[in-house]
Amino acid sequence: MAKVIGADHEFHDAAYASGWAARFQPTPDRLRLFDLILAELQARVAPDGLVMELGMGPGYLAEHLLAAMPRLRYCGVDFSRAMLDIAAQRLCDHVSRVDYRQADLVSASWWADQTLSPDAIVSTWALHDLGSPVHVQTVYTGCAQALGGRGVLLNGDFTKPVGAVQDYEAGRFEIDIHLTMLGRAGFSRVDCLEVFQEELDSPTAAQNYACFRAL
């Protein structure tokens, strides 16, 4: 059987989530992605704006953003209670500025009971785990509706590079497909800001990711 670029996860299991978080601490390349997202937020969101993160995991991106923007308000969404618990421990110094929500992003109404519209929605290395372009499209459409015609979506996620000969899991697909889907979701301006750790010949599951911006 051919190797598939990707991984299976058991994020509802507390021990698995804790071990994954310990292994997945941000590398210098991943911190470059965090800084790119930070720069976009600093340029487009008020200092006390509201940012929603989809698939917040252990809270590494949230920690980075909250430390750099000391008045920022934050809502972290994840389907795994175990991950939300890990994030809450990591972000204990920012407890007054962070809300946590357990939700299934594949549900078309995951955003519906928000009392305030976010100024930005961010995500990193999460949406590919939904397992298909159809599910990612659902999330992109929900993001456009949650933003209510304003704000910005910034998604840094794993992709399948053009020309790859390896098999990739279904949630990893080409950059152009992401851009088409964002436009279909209702965003008027979409682009790919940067590609990170591009590797065509011998990729690992932790390589080939890009940052998408949708306005």
N, C-alpha and C. Protein backbone atom coordinates (compact mmCIF):
# COMPACT_ATOMS: atom_id res chain seq x y z
N MET A 1 0.85 -1.19 0.00
CA MET A 1 0.00 0.00 0.00
C MET A 1 0.89 1.25 0.00
N ALA A 2 0.55 2.23 -0.81
CA ALA A 2 1.34 3.45 -0.90
C ALA A 2 1.17 4.28 0.38
N LYS A 3 2.24 4.94 0.77
CA LYS A 3 2.20 5.83 1.93
C LYS A 3 1.33 7.03 1.61
N VAL A 4 0.46 7.40 2.54
CA VAL A 4 -0.38 8.58 2.41
C VAL A 4 0.18 9.67 3.31
N ILE A 5 0.42 10.85 2.72
CA ILE A 5 0.94 11.96 3.50
C ILE A 5 -0.19 12.50 4.38
N GLY A 6 -0.04 12.34 5.69
CA GLY A 6 -1.06 12.74 6.64
C GLY A 6 -0.95 11.91 7.89
N ALA A 7 -1.94 12.00 8.75
CA ALA A 7 -1.88 11.27 10.01
C ALA A 7 -3.28 11.08 10.57
N ASP A 8 -3.45 9.99 11.35
CA ASP A 8 -4.70 9.78 12.09
C ASP A 8 -4.51 10.29 13.51
N HIS A 9 -5.54 10.90 14.07
CA HIS A 9 -5.44 11.48 15.40
C HIS A 9 -6.58 10.99 16.29
N GLU A 10 -6.34 11.03 17.60
CA GLU A 10 -7.33 10.67 18.60
C GLU A 10 -7.43 11.81 19.61
N PHE A 11 -7.85 12.97 19.14
CA PHE A 11 -7.77 14.18 19.95
C PHE A 11 -8.75 14.20 21.12
N HIS A 12 -9.75 13.32 21.13
CA HIS A 12 -10.66 13.28 22.28
C HIS A 12 -10.02 12.57 23.48
N ASP A 13 -8.95 11.84 23.25
CA ASP A 13 -8.26 11.13 24.31
C ASP A 13 -7.27 12.07 24.99
N ALA A 14 -7.40 12.27 26.29
CA ALA A 14 -6.59 13.25 27.00
C ALA A 14 -5.10 12.93 26.93
N ALA A 15 -4.73 11.67 27.08
CA ALA A 15 -3.32 11.30 27.03
C ALA A 15 -2.75 11.53 25.63
N TYR A 16 -3.51 11.17 24.62
CA TYR A 16 -3.05 11.39 23.24
C TYR A 16 -2.89 12.88 22.98
N ALA A 17 -3.89 13.68 23.37
CA ALA A 17 -3.83 15.12 23.13
C ALA A 17 -2.63 15.74 23.83
N SER A 18 -2.35 15.32 25.05
CA SER A 18 -1.20 15.85 25.78
C SER A 18 0.11 15.49 25.10
N GLY A 19 0.25 14.24 24.66
CA GLY A 19 1.46 13.83 23.96
C GLY A 19 1.63 14.54 22.64
N TRP A 20 0.54 14.72 21.90
CA TRP A 20 0.60 15.43 20.63
C TRP A 20 1.04 16.87 20.84
N ALA A 21 0.49 17.52 21.86
CA ALA A 21 0.84 18.92 22.14
C ALA A 21 2.32 19.05 22.48
N ALA A 22 2.85 18.10 23.21
CA ALA A 22 4.27 18.15 23.58
C ALA A 22 5.16 17.98 22.36
N ARG A 23 4.74 17.16 21.40
CA ARG A 23 5.54 16.92 20.20
C ARG A 23 5.41 18.05 19.18
N PHE A 24 4.31 18.80 19.25
CA PHE A 24 3.99 19.75 18.20
C PHE A 24 4.31 21.18 18.58
N GLN A 25 5.25 21.37 19.50
CA GLN A 25 5.63 22.73 19.86
C GLN A 25 6.15 23.46 18.62
N PRO A 26 5.82 24.75 18.50
CA PRO A 26 6.14 25.49 17.27
C PRO A 26 7.64 25.53 16.97
N THR A 27 7.98 25.23 15.74
CA THR A 27 9.35 25.33 15.24
C THR A 27 9.58 26.74 14.71
N PRO A 28 10.82 27.12 14.42
CA PRO A 28 11.06 28.45 13.83
C PRO A 28 10.24 28.71 12.57
N ASP A 29 10.07 27.71 11.70
CA ASP A 29 9.26 27.90 10.50
C ASP A 29 7.80 28.16 10.87
N ARG A 30 7.30 27.46 11.85
CA ARG A 30 5.91 27.65 12.23
C ARG A 30 5.71 28.99 12.94
N LEU A 31 6.71 29.43 13.66
CA LEU A 31 6.63 30.75 14.27
C LEU A 31 6.59 31.85 13.21
N ARG A 32 7.19 31.60 12.06
CA ARG A 32 7.09 32.56 10.94
C ARG A 32 5.63 32.68 10.50
N LEU A 33 4.92 31.58 10.47
CA LEU A 33 3.50 31.63 10.15
C LEU A 33 2.74 32.40 11.22
N PHE A 34 3.03 32.15 12.48
CA PHE A 34 2.38 32.89 13.56
C PHE A 34 2.62 34.39 13.41
N ASP A 35 3.86 34.76 13.08
CA ASP A 35 4.18 36.18 12.94
C ASP A 35 3.47 36.80 11.74
N LEU A 36 3.30 36.04 10.67
CA LEU A 36 2.57 36.54 9.52
C LEU A 36 1.11 36.81 9.90
N ILE A 37 0.50 35.89 10.62
CA ILE A 37 -0.88 36.08 11.07
C ILE A 37 -0.95 37.27 12.02
N LEU A 38 0.00 37.38 12.93
CA LEU A 38 0.03 38.51 13.86
C LEU A 38 0.10 39.84 13.13
N ALA A 39 0.97 39.93 12.14
CA ALA A 39 1.12 41.18 11.39
C ALA A 39 -0.18 41.56 10.69
N GLU A 40 -0.88 40.57 10.13
CA GLU A 40 -2.16 40.83 9.49
C GLU A 40 -3.18 41.34 10.50
N LEU A 41 -3.23 40.73 11.68
CA LEU A 41 -4.18 41.17 12.69
C LEU A 41 -3.86 42.57 13.19
N GLN A 42 -2.58 42.85 13.40
CA GLN A 42 -2.21 44.18 13.87
C GLN A 42 -2.57 45.26 12.86
N ALA A 43 -2.54 44.90 11.58
CA ALA A 43 -2.86 45.87 10.54
C ALA A 43 -4.36 46.02 10.31
N ARG A 44 -5.17 45.01 10.68
CA ARG A 44 -6.57 44.99 10.26
C ARG A 44 -7.57 44.95 11.40
N VAL A 45 -7.12 44.69 12.61
CA VAL A 45 -8.03 44.51 13.74
C VAL A 45 -7.70 45.54 14.82
N ALA A 46 -8.72 46.11 15.43
CA ALA A 46 -8.51 47.06 16.52
C ALA A 46 -7.78 46.37 17.68
N PRO A 47 -7.01 47.13 18.48
CA PRO A 47 -6.26 46.51 19.57
C PRO A 47 -7.12 45.69 20.53
N ASP A 48 -8.39 46.09 20.71
CA ASP A 48 -9.28 45.35 21.60
C ASP A 48 -10.32 44.55 20.81
N GLY A 49 -9.99 44.20 19.57
CA GLY A 49 -10.91 43.44 18.74
C GLY A 49 -11.08 42.02 19.21
N LEU A 50 -12.02 41.32 18.57
CA LEU A 50 -12.32 39.94 18.90
C LEU A 50 -11.83 39.01 17.79
N VAL A 51 -10.98 38.07 18.15
CA VAL A 51 -10.46 37.06 17.23
C VAL A 51 -11.01 35.70 17.62
N MET A 52 -11.49 34.97 16.66
CA MET A 52 -11.95 33.60 16.87
C MET A 52 -10.98 32.65 16.19
N GLU A 53 -10.53 31.65 16.93
CA GLU A 53 -9.63 30.64 16.35
C GLU A 53 -10.37 29.32 16.22
N LEU A 54 -10.32 28.74 15.04
CA LEU A 54 -10.94 27.45 14.77
C LEU A 54 -9.90 26.35 14.88
N GLY A 55 -10.22 25.34 15.69
CA GLY A 55 -9.27 24.26 15.91
C GLY A 55 -8.07 24.76 16.70
N MET A 56 -8.30 25.37 17.86
CA MET A 56 -7.21 26.05 18.58
C MET A 56 -6.19 25.08 19.15
N GLY A 57 -6.57 23.79 19.30
CA GLY A 57 -5.60 22.83 19.79
C GLY A 57 -5.04 23.23 21.15
N PRO A 58 -3.73 23.07 21.35
CA PRO A 58 -3.14 23.34 22.67
C PRO A 58 -2.89 24.81 22.96
N GLY A 59 -3.29 25.71 22.06
CA GLY A 59 -3.22 27.13 22.35
C GLY A 59 -1.93 27.83 21.99
N TYR A 60 -1.12 27.24 21.14
CA TYR A 60 0.17 27.87 20.79
C TYR A 60 -0.02 29.18 20.03
N LEU A 61 -0.89 29.19 19.02
CA LEU A 61 -1.13 30.43 18.29
C LEU A 61 -1.77 31.47 19.20
N ALA A 62 -2.75 31.07 19.99
CA ALA A 62 -3.41 32.00 20.89
C ALA A 62 -2.40 32.64 21.84
N GLU A 63 -1.52 31.86 22.40
CA GLU A 63 -0.50 32.39 23.31
C GLU A 63 0.35 33.45 22.60
N HIS A 64 0.73 33.17 21.38
CA HIS A 64 1.56 34.09 20.60
C HIS A 64 0.83 35.40 20.35
N LEU A 65 -0.42 35.32 19.96
CA LEU A 65 -1.19 36.52 19.62
C LEU A 65 -1.55 37.33 20.86
N LEU A 66 -1.97 36.66 21.91
CA LEU A 66 -2.40 37.36 23.12
C LEU A 66 -1.23 38.07 23.80
N ALA A 67 -0.05 37.47 23.72
CA ALA A 67 1.13 38.11 24.31
C ALA A 67 1.50 39.38 23.55
N ALA A 68 1.32 39.36 22.24
CA ALA A 68 1.72 40.50 21.40
C ALA A 68 0.65 41.59 21.35
N MET A 69 -0.60 41.23 21.60
CA MET A 69 -1.71 42.18 21.54
C MET A 69 -2.43 42.14 22.89
N PRO A 70 -1.98 42.91 23.87
CA PRO A 70 -2.42 42.75 25.26
C PRO A 70 -3.86 43.15 25.55
N ARG A 71 -4.58 43.72 24.58
CA ARG A 71 -6.00 44.05 24.79
C ARG A 71 -6.92 43.18 23.93
N LEU A 72 -6.33 42.32 23.14
CA LEU A 72 -7.11 41.48 22.23
C LEU A 72 -8.04 40.55 23.01
N ARG A 73 -9.27 40.38 22.49
CA ARG A 73 -10.21 39.40 23.03
C ARG A 73 -10.21 38.17 22.12
N TYR A 74 -10.43 37.00 22.71
CA TYR A 74 -10.18 35.76 21.98
C TYR A 74 -11.27 34.75 22.29
N CYS A 75 -11.67 34.02 21.26
CA CYS A 75 -12.58 32.88 21.42
C CYS A 75 -11.95 31.69 20.73
N GLY A 76 -11.64 30.65 21.48
CA GLY A 76 -11.03 29.45 20.92
C GLY A 76 -12.05 28.34 20.75
N VAL A 77 -12.14 27.81 19.54
CA VAL A 77 -13.11 26.77 19.21
C VAL A 77 -12.36 25.48 18.88
N ASP A 78 -12.80 24.38 19.46
CA ASP A 78 -12.21 23.08 19.12
C ASP A 78 -13.25 22.00 19.42
N PHE A 79 -13.19 20.90 18.68
CA PHE A 79 -14.13 19.82 18.93
C PHE A 79 -13.67 18.93 20.08
N SER A 80 -12.40 19.10 20.52
CA SER A 80 -11.81 18.25 21.55
C SER A 80 -11.78 18.98 22.89
N ARG A 81 -12.53 18.46 23.87
CA ARG A 81 -12.48 19.04 25.21
C ARG A 81 -11.09 18.90 25.81
N ALA A 82 -10.40 17.81 25.50
CA ALA A 82 -9.05 17.61 26.01
C ALA A 82 -8.12 18.71 25.53
N MET A 83 -8.21 19.09 24.25
CA MET A 83 -7.38 20.16 23.72
C MET A 83 -7.74 21.51 24.35
N LEU A 84 -9.02 21.76 24.54
CA LEU A 84 -9.43 23.02 25.16
C LEU A 84 -8.91 23.12 26.59
N ASP A 85 -8.87 22.01 27.30
CA ASP A 85 -8.33 22.01 28.67
C ASP A 85 -6.84 22.33 28.66
N ILE A 86 -6.10 21.75 27.71
CA ILE A 86 -4.66 22.03 27.60
C ILE A 86 -4.45 23.51 27.28
N ALA A 87 -5.26 24.05 26.35
CA ALA A 87 -5.15 25.45 25.98
C ALA A 87 -5.44 26.36 27.17
N ALA A 88 -6.45 26.02 27.95
CA ALA A 88 -6.81 26.85 29.11
C ALA A 88 -5.67 26.90 30.12
N GLN A 89 -4.98 25.81 30.30
CA GLN A 89 -3.82 25.80 31.20
C GLN A 89 -2.71 26.69 30.64
N ARG A 90 -2.45 26.58 29.35
CA ARG A 90 -1.39 27.38 28.73
C ARG A 90 -1.72 28.88 28.81
N LEU A 91 -2.98 29.22 28.69
CA LEU A 91 -3.38 30.62 28.59
C LEU A 91 -3.91 31.18 29.91
N CYS A 92 -3.52 30.58 31.03
CA CYS A 92 -4.07 31.00 32.32
C CYS A 92 -3.76 32.46 32.65
N ASP A 93 -2.66 33.00 32.11
CA ASP A 93 -2.33 34.40 32.37
C ASP A 93 -3.25 35.36 31.61
N HIS A 94 -4.03 34.84 30.67
CA HIS A 94 -4.92 35.67 29.86
C HIS A 94 -6.39 35.31 30.10
N VAL A 95 -6.69 34.75 31.25
CA VAL A 95 -8.00 34.14 31.48
C VAL A 95 -9.15 35.12 31.26
N SER A 96 -8.96 36.39 31.56
CA SER A 96 -10.06 37.35 31.43
C SER A 96 -10.36 37.71 29.98
N ARG A 97 -9.50 37.31 29.06
CA ARG A 97 -9.67 37.71 27.66
C ARG A 97 -10.02 36.55 26.75
N VAL A 98 -10.14 35.36 27.27
CA VAL A 98 -10.32 34.17 26.43
C VAL A 98 -11.58 33.41 26.82
N ASP A 99 -12.38 33.08 25.81
CA ASP A 99 -13.50 32.17 25.97
C ASP A 99 -13.20 30.90 25.18
N TYR A 100 -13.76 29.79 25.64
CA TYR A 100 -13.53 28.51 25.00
C TYR A 100 -14.87 27.91 24.61
N ARG A 101 -14.90 27.30 23.42
CA ARG A 101 -16.13 26.71 22.94
C ARG A 101 -15.83 25.37 22.27
N GLN A 102 -16.50 24.33 22.73
CA GLN A 102 -16.40 23.02 22.09
C GLN A 102 -17.47 22.93 21.03
N ALA A 103 -17.06 22.69 19.79
CA ALA A 103 -18.01 22.67 18.68
C ALA A 103 -17.46 21.84 17.54
N ASP A 104 -18.37 21.28 16.78
CA ASP A 104 -18.04 20.51 15.58
C ASP A 104 -18.06 21.47 14.39
N LEU A 105 -16.89 21.72 13.81
CA LEU A 105 -16.80 22.68 12.72
C LEU A 105 -17.52 22.23 11.45
N VAL A 106 -17.78 20.96 11.33
CA VAL A 106 -18.49 20.46 10.15
C VAL A 106 -19.97 20.82 10.22
N SER A 107 -20.45 21.12 11.43
CA SER A 107 -21.83 21.58 11.56
C SER A 107 -21.95 22.96 10.95
N ALA A 108 -22.95 23.17 10.14
CA ALA A 108 -23.11 24.45 9.46
C ALA A 108 -23.48 25.58 10.40
N SER A 109 -23.83 25.26 11.67
CA SER A 109 -24.27 26.29 12.61
C SER A 109 -23.29 26.46 13.77
N TRP A 110 -22.03 26.09 13.59
CA TRP A 110 -21.08 26.18 14.70
C TRP A 110 -20.90 27.60 15.20
N TRP A 111 -21.17 28.58 14.38
CA TRP A 111 -20.95 29.98 14.73
C TRP A 111 -22.23 30.70 15.14
N ALA A 112 -23.37 30.03 15.05
CA ALA A 112 -24.66 30.73 15.06
C ALA A 112 -24.99 31.39 16.39
N ASP A 113 -24.51 30.87 17.53
CA ASP A 113 -24.91 31.45 18.81
C ASP A 113 -23.89 32.44 19.35
N GLN A 114 -22.98 32.90 18.49
CA GLN A 114 -22.06 33.95 18.91
C GLN A 114 -22.83 35.25 19.13
N THR A 115 -22.65 35.87 20.28
CA THR A 115 -23.36 37.11 20.57
C THR A 115 -22.71 38.31 19.89
N LEU A 116 -21.42 38.21 19.55
CA LEU A 116 -20.72 39.28 18.85
C LEU A 116 -20.04 38.70 17.61
N SER A 117 -20.04 39.48 16.55
CA SER A 117 -19.34 39.03 15.35
C SER A 117 -17.84 39.22 15.54
N PRO A 118 -17.03 38.22 15.20
CA PRO A 118 -15.58 38.39 15.33
C PRO A 118 -15.06 39.39 14.30
N ASP A 119 -13.97 40.04 14.67
CA ASP A 119 -13.29 40.93 13.73
C ASP A 119 -12.36 40.14 12.81
N ALA A 120 -11.96 38.96 13.26
CA ALA A 120 -11.09 38.09 12.46
C ALA A 120 -11.30 36.66 12.90
N ILE A 121 -11.12 35.74 11.96
CA ILE A 121 -11.12 34.31 12.24
C ILE A 121 -9.77 33.78 11.79
N VAL A 122 -9.12 33.00 12.66
CA VAL A 122 -7.82 32.44 12.34
C VAL A 122 -7.85 30.93 12.56
N SER A 123 -6.92 30.25 11.91
CA SER A 123 -6.79 28.80 12.10
C SER A 123 -5.41 28.38 11.59
N THR A 124 -4.82 27.40 12.26
CA THR A 124 -3.55 26.85 11.77
C THR A 124 -3.54 25.34 11.93
N TRP A 125 -3.17 24.65 10.87
CA TRP A 125 -2.96 23.20 10.86
C TRP A 125 -4.15 22.44 11.45
N ALA A 126 -5.35 22.87 11.10
CA ALA A 126 -6.53 22.26 11.69
C ALA A 126 -7.54 21.78 10.66
N LEU A 127 -7.88 22.60 9.68
CA LEU A 127 -9.01 22.28 8.81
C LEU A 127 -8.76 21.04 7.96
N HIS A 128 -7.51 20.73 7.66
CA HIS A 128 -7.24 19.52 6.87
C HIS A 128 -7.72 18.27 7.60
N ASP A 129 -7.77 18.34 8.95
CA ASP A 129 -8.22 17.18 9.72
C ASP A 129 -9.71 16.92 9.59
N LEU A 130 -10.44 17.84 8.95
CA LEU A 130 -11.86 17.60 8.70
C LEU A 130 -12.07 16.53 7.63
N GLY A 131 -11.04 16.26 6.83
CA GLY A 131 -11.05 15.07 6.01
C GLY A 131 -11.52 15.18 4.58
N SER A 132 -12.00 16.37 4.16
CA SER A 132 -12.45 16.47 2.78
C SER A 132 -12.62 17.92 2.39
N PRO A 133 -12.49 18.24 1.09
CA PRO A 133 -12.78 19.60 0.62
C PRO A 133 -14.22 20.02 0.93
N VAL A 134 -15.15 19.10 0.91
CA VAL A 134 -16.54 19.43 1.20
C VAL A 134 -16.67 20.02 2.60
N HIS A 135 -16.01 19.41 3.57
CA HIS A 135 -16.08 19.90 4.94
C HIS A 135 -15.35 21.24 5.10
N VAL A 136 -14.23 21.40 4.42
CA VAL A 136 -13.53 22.68 4.47
C VAL A 136 -14.39 23.77 3.86
N GLN A 137 -15.08 23.45 2.77
CA GLN A 137 -15.99 24.42 2.16
C GLN A 137 -17.07 24.84 3.15
N THR A 138 -17.61 23.90 3.91
CA THR A 138 -18.61 24.22 4.93
C THR A 138 -18.06 25.23 5.93
N VAL A 139 -16.82 25.02 6.35
CA VAL A 139 -16.21 25.93 7.32
C VAL A 139 -15.97 27.29 6.70
N TYR A 140 -15.45 27.33 5.48
CA TYR A 140 -15.22 28.62 4.82
C TYR A 140 -16.53 29.41 4.68
N THR A 141 -17.61 28.72 4.31
CA THR A 141 -18.89 29.40 4.17
C THR A 141 -19.38 29.92 5.52
N GLY A 142 -19.21 29.12 6.57
CA GLY A 142 -19.56 29.56 7.91
C GLY A 142 -18.75 30.75 8.36
N CYS A 143 -17.47 30.78 8.00
CA CYS A 143 -16.61 31.91 8.35
C CYS A 143 -17.11 33.20 7.70
N ALA A 144 -17.45 33.13 6.43
CA ALA A 144 -17.96 34.31 5.73
C ALA A 144 -19.23 34.82 6.39
N GLN A 145 -20.09 33.92 6.80
CA GLN A 145 -21.34 34.32 7.45
C GLN A 145 -21.07 34.88 8.84
N ALA A 146 -20.16 34.27 9.58
CA ALA A 146 -19.85 34.73 10.93
C ALA A 146 -19.21 36.11 10.92
N LEU A 147 -18.41 36.40 9.91
CA LEU A 147 -17.77 37.71 9.80
C LEU A 147 -18.74 38.79 9.35
N GLY A 148 -19.86 38.41 8.76
CA GLY A 148 -20.90 39.35 8.43
C GLY A 148 -20.51 40.42 7.44
N GLY A 149 -19.70 40.07 6.45
CA GLY A 149 -19.34 41.02 5.42
C GLY A 149 -18.21 41.96 5.79
N ARG A 150 -17.53 41.70 6.91
CA ARG A 150 -16.38 42.52 7.29
C ARG A 150 -15.34 41.59 7.92
N GLY A 151 -14.18 42.13 8.21
CA GLY A 151 -13.16 41.33 8.88
C GLY A 151 -12.36 40.48 7.92
N VAL A 152 -11.53 39.61 8.50
CA VAL A 152 -10.58 38.83 7.72
C VAL A 152 -10.51 37.41 8.24
N LEU A 153 -10.36 36.48 7.32
CA LEU A 153 -10.08 35.08 7.64
C LEU A 153 -8.63 34.80 7.27
N LEU A 154 -7.87 34.22 8.21
CA LEU A 154 -6.49 33.83 7.98
C LEU A 154 -6.35 32.36 8.33
N ASN A 155 -6.07 31.54 7.34
CA ASN A 155 -5.98 30.11 7.54
C ASN A 155 -4.62 29.60 7.09
N GLY A 156 -3.83 29.13 8.02
CA GLY A 156 -2.56 28.47 7.69
C GLY A 156 -2.74 26.98 7.81
N ASP A 157 -2.68 26.27 6.70
CA ASP A 157 -2.97 24.84 6.76
C ASP A 157 -2.14 24.07 5.74
N PHE A 158 -2.09 22.78 5.98
CA PHE A 158 -1.35 21.88 5.10
C PHE A 158 -2.03 21.78 3.73
N THR A 159 -1.23 21.71 2.70
CA THR A 159 -1.73 21.61 1.34
C THR A 159 -1.04 20.47 0.61
N LYS A 160 -1.55 20.18 -0.56
CA LYS A 160 -0.90 19.23 -1.47
C LYS A 160 -0.20 20.05 -2.56
N PRO A 161 1.12 19.94 -2.66
CA PRO A 161 1.82 20.75 -3.68
C PRO A 161 1.49 20.28 -5.09
N VAL A 162 1.44 21.24 -5.99
CA VAL A 162 1.23 20.91 -7.40
C VAL A 162 2.40 20.07 -7.90
N GLY A 163 2.12 18.98 -8.58
CA GLY A 163 3.16 18.11 -9.09
C GLY A 163 3.55 16.98 -8.16
N ALA A 164 2.92 16.90 -6.99
CA ALA A 164 3.24 15.83 -6.05
C ALA A 164 2.85 14.48 -6.64
N VAL A 165 3.71 13.50 -6.46
CA VAL A 165 3.43 12.15 -6.93
C VAL A 165 2.94 11.25 -5.80
N GLN A 166 3.06 11.71 -4.56
CA GLN A 166 2.61 10.93 -3.42
C GLN A 166 1.09 11.04 -3.24
N ASP A 167 0.53 10.08 -2.54
CA ASP A 167 -0.87 10.16 -2.15
C ASP A 167 -0.98 11.03 -0.89
N TYR A 168 -1.95 11.92 -0.88
CA TYR A 168 -2.18 12.78 0.28
C TYR A 168 -3.56 12.50 0.85
N GLU A 169 -3.70 12.67 2.18
CA GLU A 169 -5.01 12.52 2.78
C GLU A 169 -5.96 13.55 2.16
N ALA A 170 -7.25 13.24 2.19
CA ALA A 170 -8.22 14.01 1.42
C ALA A 170 -8.34 15.46 1.87
N GLY A 171 -8.00 15.73 3.13
CA GLY A 171 -8.10 17.10 3.63
C GLY A 171 -6.97 18.02 3.20
N ARG A 172 -5.97 17.47 2.53
CA ARG A 172 -4.84 18.25 2.02
C ARG A 172 -4.97 18.34 0.51
N PHE A 173 -5.20 19.56 0.02
CA PHE A 173 -5.39 19.72 -1.41
C PHE A 173 -4.74 21.02 -1.88
N GLU A 174 -4.77 21.27 -3.18
CA GLU A 174 -3.96 22.31 -3.79
C GLU A 174 -4.41 23.72 -3.39
N ILE A 175 -3.47 24.64 -3.43
CA ILE A 175 -3.71 26.04 -3.05
C ILE A 175 -4.83 26.64 -3.90
N ASP A 176 -4.80 26.40 -5.21
CA ASP A 176 -5.81 26.98 -6.08
C ASP A 176 -7.22 26.54 -5.70
N ILE A 177 -7.34 25.32 -5.20
CA ILE A 177 -8.66 24.83 -4.78
C ILE A 177 -9.13 25.61 -3.56
N HIS A 178 -8.21 25.86 -2.61
CA HIS A 178 -8.57 26.68 -1.45
C HIS A 178 -9.07 28.05 -1.89
N LEU A 179 -8.37 28.68 -2.80
CA LEU A 179 -8.74 30.03 -3.24
C LEU A 179 -10.11 30.04 -3.93
N THR A 180 -10.35 29.02 -4.75
CA THR A 180 -11.65 28.91 -5.40
C THR A 180 -12.76 28.73 -4.37
N MET A 181 -12.51 27.89 -3.38
CA MET A 181 -13.51 27.63 -2.35
C MET A 181 -13.79 28.87 -1.51
N LEU A 182 -12.77 29.66 -1.20
CA LEU A 182 -12.97 30.89 -0.44
C LEU A 182 -13.83 31.88 -1.22
N GLY A 183 -13.57 31.99 -2.52
CA GLY A 183 -14.42 32.83 -3.34
C GLY A 183 -15.85 32.34 -3.38
N ARG A 184 -16.02 31.03 -3.48
CA ARG A 184 -17.36 30.45 -3.50
C ARG A 184 -18.09 30.69 -2.18
N ALA A 185 -17.33 30.77 -1.08
CA ALA A 185 -17.93 31.00 0.23
C ALA A 185 -18.48 32.41 0.38
N GLY A 186 -18.03 33.33 -0.47
CA GLY A 186 -18.55 34.68 -0.42
C GLY A 186 -17.52 35.76 -0.16
N PHE A 187 -16.25 35.37 -0.02
CA PHE A 187 -15.20 36.37 0.17
C PHE A 187 -14.88 37.04 -1.17
N SER A 188 -14.65 38.35 -1.14
CA SER A 188 -14.44 39.09 -2.39
C SER A 188 -12.97 39.20 -2.77
N ARG A 189 -12.09 39.12 -1.79
CA ARG A 189 -10.65 39.22 -2.05
C ARG A 189 -9.95 38.06 -1.36
N VAL A 190 -9.33 37.18 -2.13
CA VAL A 190 -8.67 36.01 -1.55
C VAL A 190 -7.28 35.89 -2.15
N ASP A 191 -6.32 35.50 -1.31
CA ASP A 191 -4.98 35.26 -1.83
C ASP A 191 -4.21 34.34 -0.90
N CYS A 192 -3.12 33.82 -1.42
CA CYS A 192 -2.18 33.01 -0.64
C CYS A 192 -1.00 33.91 -0.28
N LEU A 193 -0.80 34.16 1.00
CA LEU A 193 0.24 35.09 1.43
C LEU A 193 1.63 34.49 1.34
N GLU A 194 1.76 33.21 1.69
CA GLU A 194 3.09 32.60 1.69
C GLU A 194 2.94 31.08 1.77
N VAL A 195 3.93 30.38 1.23
CA VAL A 195 4.02 28.93 1.33
C VAL A 195 5.22 28.59 2.20
N PHE A 196 5.06 27.63 3.10
CA PHE A 196 6.08 27.29 4.08
C PHE A 196 6.53 25.84 3.92
N GLN A 197 7.81 25.61 4.14
CA GLN A 197 8.41 24.27 4.15
C GLN A 197 7.95 23.44 2.95
N GLU A 198 8.08 24.02 1.79
CA GLU A 198 7.66 23.32 0.57
C GLU A 198 8.63 22.19 0.27
N GLU A 199 8.10 21.02 0.08
CA GLU A 199 8.91 19.84 -0.21
C GLU A 199 8.12 18.93 -1.13
N LEU A 200 8.63 18.73 -2.34
CA LEU A 200 7.91 17.96 -3.34
C LEU A 200 8.35 16.51 -3.39
N ASP A 201 9.65 16.26 -3.22
CA ASP A 201 10.17 14.92 -3.47
C ASP A 201 9.92 13.96 -2.32
N SER A 202 10.25 14.38 -1.10
CA SER A 202 10.14 13.47 0.05
C SER A 202 9.48 14.18 1.22
N PRO A 203 8.22 14.55 1.09
CA PRO A 203 7.57 15.33 2.14
C PRO A 203 7.23 14.48 3.37
N THR A 204 7.26 15.14 4.53
CA THR A 204 6.72 14.55 5.74
C THR A 204 5.32 15.12 5.96
N ALA A 205 4.63 14.58 6.94
CA ALA A 205 3.29 15.07 7.25
C ALA A 205 3.31 16.48 7.83
N ALA A 206 4.47 16.98 8.23
CA ALA A 206 4.58 18.30 8.84
C ALA A 206 5.08 19.36 7.87
N GLN A 207 5.17 19.05 6.59
CA GLN A 207 5.66 20.00 5.60
C GLN A 207 4.53 20.40 4.63
N ASN A 208 4.83 21.40 3.80
CA ASN A 208 3.89 21.89 2.78
C ASN A 208 2.63 22.49 3.40
N TYR A 209 2.75 23.72 3.87
CA TYR A 209 1.58 24.44 4.34
C TYR A 209 1.64 25.88 3.83
N ALA A 210 0.48 26.50 3.79
CA ALA A 210 0.35 27.84 3.22
C ALA A 210 -0.57 28.67 4.09
N CYS A 211 -0.45 29.99 3.95
CA CYS A 211 -1.32 30.91 4.68
C CYS A 211 -2.25 31.61 3.69
N PHE A 212 -3.56 31.43 3.88
CA PHE A 212 -4.56 32.04 3.03
C PHE A 212 -5.21 33.23 3.74
N ARG A 213 -5.46 34.28 2.99
CA ARG A 213 -6.16 35.46 3.51
C ARG A 213 -7.41 35.68 2.69
N ALA A 214 -8.53 35.90 3.37
CA ALA A 214 -9.80 36.15 2.69
C ALA A 214 -10.47 37.34 3.34
N LEU A 215 -10.88 38.28 2.51
CA LEU A 215 -11.52 39.51 2.98
C LEU A 215 -12.92 39.65 2.38
